[in-house]
Every structure is written in structure tokens, then in C-alpha cells.
Amino acid sequence: MRWLLVAIAACILGSAVLIAVGGSNLVTFLGISLGGIAFVLVLAAVFYAVGRSEDRERAEREAGPQRPSA
């Protein structure tokens, strides 16, 4: 999960720098594209986090209540 958050931050930072630099249409296009990639990565991170929480909940439910041994 940490690598995904680093990738999101890198895309957002790169997008902001490229858009701020401006210049040619290619640089603007690349900045906007990196922003779109960052958005897709944010959505992926959200779905990944939800999926992991559902897996943890399912594992706890299948394990059942833990009874203390005598």
C-alpha cells in the first residue's frame, strides 16, 4: 500500500510541476495525463483498502470466536 501512495504523490507532484512550467502543448498534455493517472491510482488505492478490510473481516468471521483453553 505504501508504494501505491508514493506513486500517487509522485504523479500529483509531477503533474503540478509540468502544468506550472507550461510551455508547449506537449508539456501541458503530459501534466494533465499525469493528473489523470494519479486519479486512477487514488481510485485503485480506495478499492484495494476496501478489499483488504473485507478480507480481514471474512477471516475473522471464519475463525469464529476464540474460546480460552482450560
N, C-alpha and C. Protein backbone atom coordinates (compact mmCIF):
# COMPACT_ATOMS: atom_id res chain seq x y z
N MET A 1 0.83 -1.19 0.00
CA MET A 1 0.00 0.00 0.00
C MET A 1 0.87 1.26 0.00
N ARG A 2 2.01 1.16 0.70
CA ARG A 2 2.88 2.33 0.79
C ARG A 2 3.41 2.72 -0.60
N TRP A 3 3.76 1.73 -1.44
CA TRP A 3 4.27 2.05 -2.76
C TRP A 3 3.21 2.71 -3.62
N LEU A 4 1.96 2.35 -3.40
CA LEU A 4 0.87 2.95 -4.16
C LEU A 4 0.69 4.42 -3.77
N LEU A 5 0.80 4.71 -2.49
CA LEU A 5 0.70 6.10 -2.04
C LEU A 5 1.87 6.94 -2.53
N VAL A 6 3.05 6.34 -2.60
CA VAL A 6 4.22 7.05 -3.13
C VAL A 6 4.02 7.35 -4.61
N ALA A 7 3.49 6.40 -5.35
CA ALA A 7 3.23 6.61 -6.78
C ALA A 7 2.20 7.71 -7.00
N ILE A 8 1.18 7.74 -6.15
CA ILE A 8 0.16 8.79 -6.26
C ILE A 8 0.79 10.16 -6.01
N ALA A 9 1.59 10.25 -4.96
CA ALA A 9 2.24 11.53 -4.65
C ALA A 9 3.17 11.96 -5.76
N ALA A 10 3.92 11.02 -6.33
CA ALA A 10 4.84 11.36 -7.42
C ALA A 10 4.08 11.86 -8.65
N CYS A 11 2.96 11.22 -8.97
CA CYS A 11 2.16 11.66 -10.12
C CYS A 11 1.56 13.04 -9.89
N ILE A 12 1.07 13.29 -8.69
CA ILE A 12 0.49 14.60 -8.39
C ILE A 12 1.56 15.68 -8.45
N LEU A 13 2.71 15.40 -7.86
CA LEU A 13 3.80 16.38 -7.87
C LEU A 13 4.29 16.63 -9.29
N GLY A 14 4.49 15.57 -10.05
CA GLY A 14 4.92 15.72 -11.44
C GLY A 14 3.91 16.48 -12.27
N SER A 15 2.64 16.20 -12.05
CA SER A 15 1.59 16.91 -12.77
C SER A 15 1.60 18.39 -12.45
N ALA A 16 1.72 18.71 -11.17
CA ALA A 16 1.73 20.12 -10.76
C ALA A 16 2.93 20.85 -11.35
N VAL A 17 4.09 20.21 -11.34
CA VAL A 17 5.29 20.84 -11.89
C VAL A 17 5.15 21.06 -13.39
N LEU A 18 4.69 20.05 -14.11
CA LEU A 18 4.56 20.18 -15.56
C LEU A 18 3.53 21.23 -15.95
N ILE A 19 2.43 21.29 -15.23
CA ILE A 19 1.40 22.29 -15.55
C ILE A 19 1.91 23.68 -15.20
N ALA A 20 2.65 23.81 -14.09
CA ALA A 20 3.18 25.12 -13.69
C ALA A 20 4.23 25.60 -14.69
N VAL A 21 5.06 24.69 -15.19
CA VAL A 21 6.09 25.07 -16.16
C VAL A 21 5.43 25.51 -17.45
N GLY A 22 4.39 24.81 -17.83
CA GLY A 22 3.66 25.17 -19.04
C GLY A 22 4.54 25.01 -20.27
N GLY A 23 4.57 26.03 -21.07
CA GLY A 23 5.40 25.96 -22.27
C GLY A 23 4.61 25.42 -23.44
N SER A 24 5.04 24.27 -23.95
CA SER A 24 4.41 23.72 -25.14
C SER A 24 3.15 22.93 -24.79
N ASN A 25 2.44 22.61 -25.84
CA ASN A 25 1.24 21.79 -25.67
C ASN A 25 1.58 20.39 -25.16
N LEU A 26 2.75 19.89 -25.55
CA LEU A 26 3.17 18.56 -25.11
C LEU A 26 3.37 18.52 -23.60
N VAL A 27 3.99 19.54 -23.04
CA VAL A 27 4.22 19.58 -21.60
C VAL A 27 2.89 19.67 -20.86
N THR A 28 1.97 20.48 -21.36
CA THR A 28 0.65 20.58 -20.75
C THR A 28 -0.09 19.24 -20.84
N PHE A 29 0.01 18.59 -21.99
CA PHE A 29 -0.62 17.28 -22.17
C PHE A 29 -0.06 16.27 -21.18
N LEU A 30 1.25 16.25 -21.02
CA LEU A 30 1.87 15.32 -20.08
C LEU A 30 1.45 15.62 -18.64
N GLY A 31 1.33 16.88 -18.29
CA GLY A 31 0.88 17.25 -16.95
C GLY A 31 -0.54 16.80 -16.68
N ILE A 32 -1.41 17.03 -17.64
CA ILE A 32 -2.80 16.60 -17.48
C ILE A 32 -2.90 15.08 -17.44
N SER A 33 -2.08 14.40 -18.24
CA SER A 33 -2.08 12.93 -18.25
C SER A 33 -1.62 12.38 -16.90
N LEU A 34 -0.58 12.97 -16.33
CA LEU A 34 -0.13 12.52 -15.01
C LEU A 34 -1.21 12.76 -13.95
N GLY A 35 -1.94 13.84 -14.08
CA GLY A 35 -3.05 14.08 -13.15
C GLY A 35 -4.12 13.01 -13.27
N GLY A 36 -4.42 12.60 -14.49
CA GLY A 36 -5.39 11.53 -14.71
C GLY A 36 -4.91 10.21 -14.16
N ILE A 37 -3.64 9.93 -14.35
CA ILE A 37 -3.07 8.70 -13.81
C ILE A 37 -3.14 8.71 -12.28
N ALA A 38 -2.86 9.87 -11.68
CA ALA A 38 -2.95 9.99 -10.22
C ALA A 38 -4.38 9.72 -9.75
N PHE A 39 -5.37 10.22 -10.48
CA PHE A 39 -6.76 9.98 -10.12
C PHE A 39 -7.10 8.50 -10.16
N VAL A 40 -6.65 7.82 -11.21
CA VAL A 40 -6.90 6.37 -11.33
C VAL A 40 -6.22 5.62 -10.19
N LEU A 41 -5.00 6.04 -9.83
CA LEU A 41 -4.29 5.39 -8.73
C LEU A 41 -5.00 5.62 -7.40
N VAL A 42 -5.59 6.79 -7.20
CA VAL A 42 -6.35 7.04 -5.98
C VAL A 42 -7.55 6.09 -5.90
N LEU A 43 -8.25 5.94 -7.01
CA LEU A 43 -9.38 5.01 -7.03
C LEU A 43 -8.92 3.58 -6.76
N ALA A 44 -7.79 3.18 -7.34
CA ALA A 44 -7.26 1.84 -7.10
C ALA A 44 -6.93 1.66 -5.62
N ALA A 45 -6.35 2.68 -5.00
CA ALA A 45 -5.99 2.59 -3.58
C ALA A 45 -7.23 2.43 -2.71
N VAL A 46 -8.30 3.14 -3.06
CA VAL A 46 -9.54 3.03 -2.29
C VAL A 46 -10.12 1.63 -2.41
N PHE A 47 -10.19 1.11 -3.63
CA PHE A 47 -10.73 -0.24 -3.81
C PHE A 47 -9.84 -1.29 -3.14
N TYR A 48 -8.54 -1.08 -3.18
CA TYR A 48 -7.61 -2.01 -2.53
C TYR A 48 -7.82 -2.02 -1.02
N ALA A 49 -7.99 -0.83 -0.44
CA ALA A 49 -8.20 -0.73 1.01
C ALA A 49 -9.52 -1.38 1.42
N VAL A 50 -10.56 -1.17 0.63
CA VAL A 50 -11.87 -1.78 0.94
C VAL A 50 -11.77 -3.29 0.82
N GLY A 51 -11.11 -3.77 -0.21
CA GLY A 51 -10.96 -5.22 -0.39
C GLY A 51 -10.20 -5.87 0.74
N ARG A 52 -9.13 -5.21 1.19
CA ARG A 52 -8.35 -5.77 2.30
C ARG A 52 -9.16 -5.80 3.58
N SER A 53 -9.97 -4.77 3.83
CA SER A 53 -10.78 -4.77 5.05
C SER A 53 -11.84 -5.87 4.99
N GLU A 54 -12.40 -6.11 3.80
CA GLU A 54 -13.38 -7.19 3.67
C GLU A 54 -12.72 -8.54 3.88
N ASP A 55 -11.50 -8.71 3.39
CA ASP A 55 -10.78 -9.97 3.60
C ASP A 55 -10.49 -10.20 5.08
N ARG A 56 -10.08 -9.14 5.79
CA ARG A 56 -9.82 -9.28 7.22
C ARG A 56 -11.09 -9.64 7.97
N GLU A 57 -12.20 -8.99 7.60
CA GLU A 57 -13.47 -9.29 8.27
C GLU A 57 -13.89 -10.73 8.01
N ARG A 58 -13.74 -11.20 6.78
CA ARG A 58 -14.11 -12.57 6.44
C ARG A 58 -13.24 -13.57 7.19
N ALA A 59 -11.95 -13.29 7.31
CA ALA A 59 -11.05 -14.19 8.03
C ALA A 59 -11.41 -14.25 9.51
N GLU A 60 -11.78 -13.12 10.09
CA GLU A 60 -12.19 -13.12 11.50
C GLU A 60 -13.49 -13.88 11.70
N ARG A 61 -14.41 -13.74 10.75
CA ARG A 61 -15.69 -14.43 10.85
C ARG A 61 -15.51 -15.94 10.71
N GLU A 62 -14.62 -16.37 9.80
CA GLU A 62 -14.39 -17.81 9.61
C GLU A 62 -13.65 -18.42 10.78
N ALA A 63 -12.81 -17.64 11.45
CA ALA A 63 -12.07 -18.16 12.59
C ALA A 63 -13.02 -18.41 13.77
N GLY A 64 -14.10 -17.66 13.82
CA GLY A 64 -15.06 -17.83 14.88
C GLY A 64 -14.54 -17.25 16.20
N PRO A 65 -15.39 -17.28 17.21
CA PRO A 65 -14.96 -16.75 18.49
C PRO A 65 -13.89 -17.65 19.13
N GLN A 66 -12.89 -17.05 19.66
CA GLN A 66 -11.80 -17.80 20.30
C GLN A 66 -12.20 -18.11 21.75
N ARG A 67 -12.19 -19.39 22.09
CA ARG A 67 -12.52 -19.81 23.44
C ARG A 67 -11.23 -19.99 24.23
N PRO A 68 -11.21 -19.47 25.43
CA PRO A 68 -10.00 -19.68 26.25
C PRO A 68 -9.88 -21.14 26.66
N SER A 69 -8.68 -21.67 26.59
CA SER A 69 -8.47 -23.06 26.97
C SER A 69 -8.35 -23.18 28.48
N ALA A 70 -8.82 -24.31 28.99
CA ALA A 70 -8.85 -24.51 30.45
C ALA A 70 -7.55 -24.88 31.01
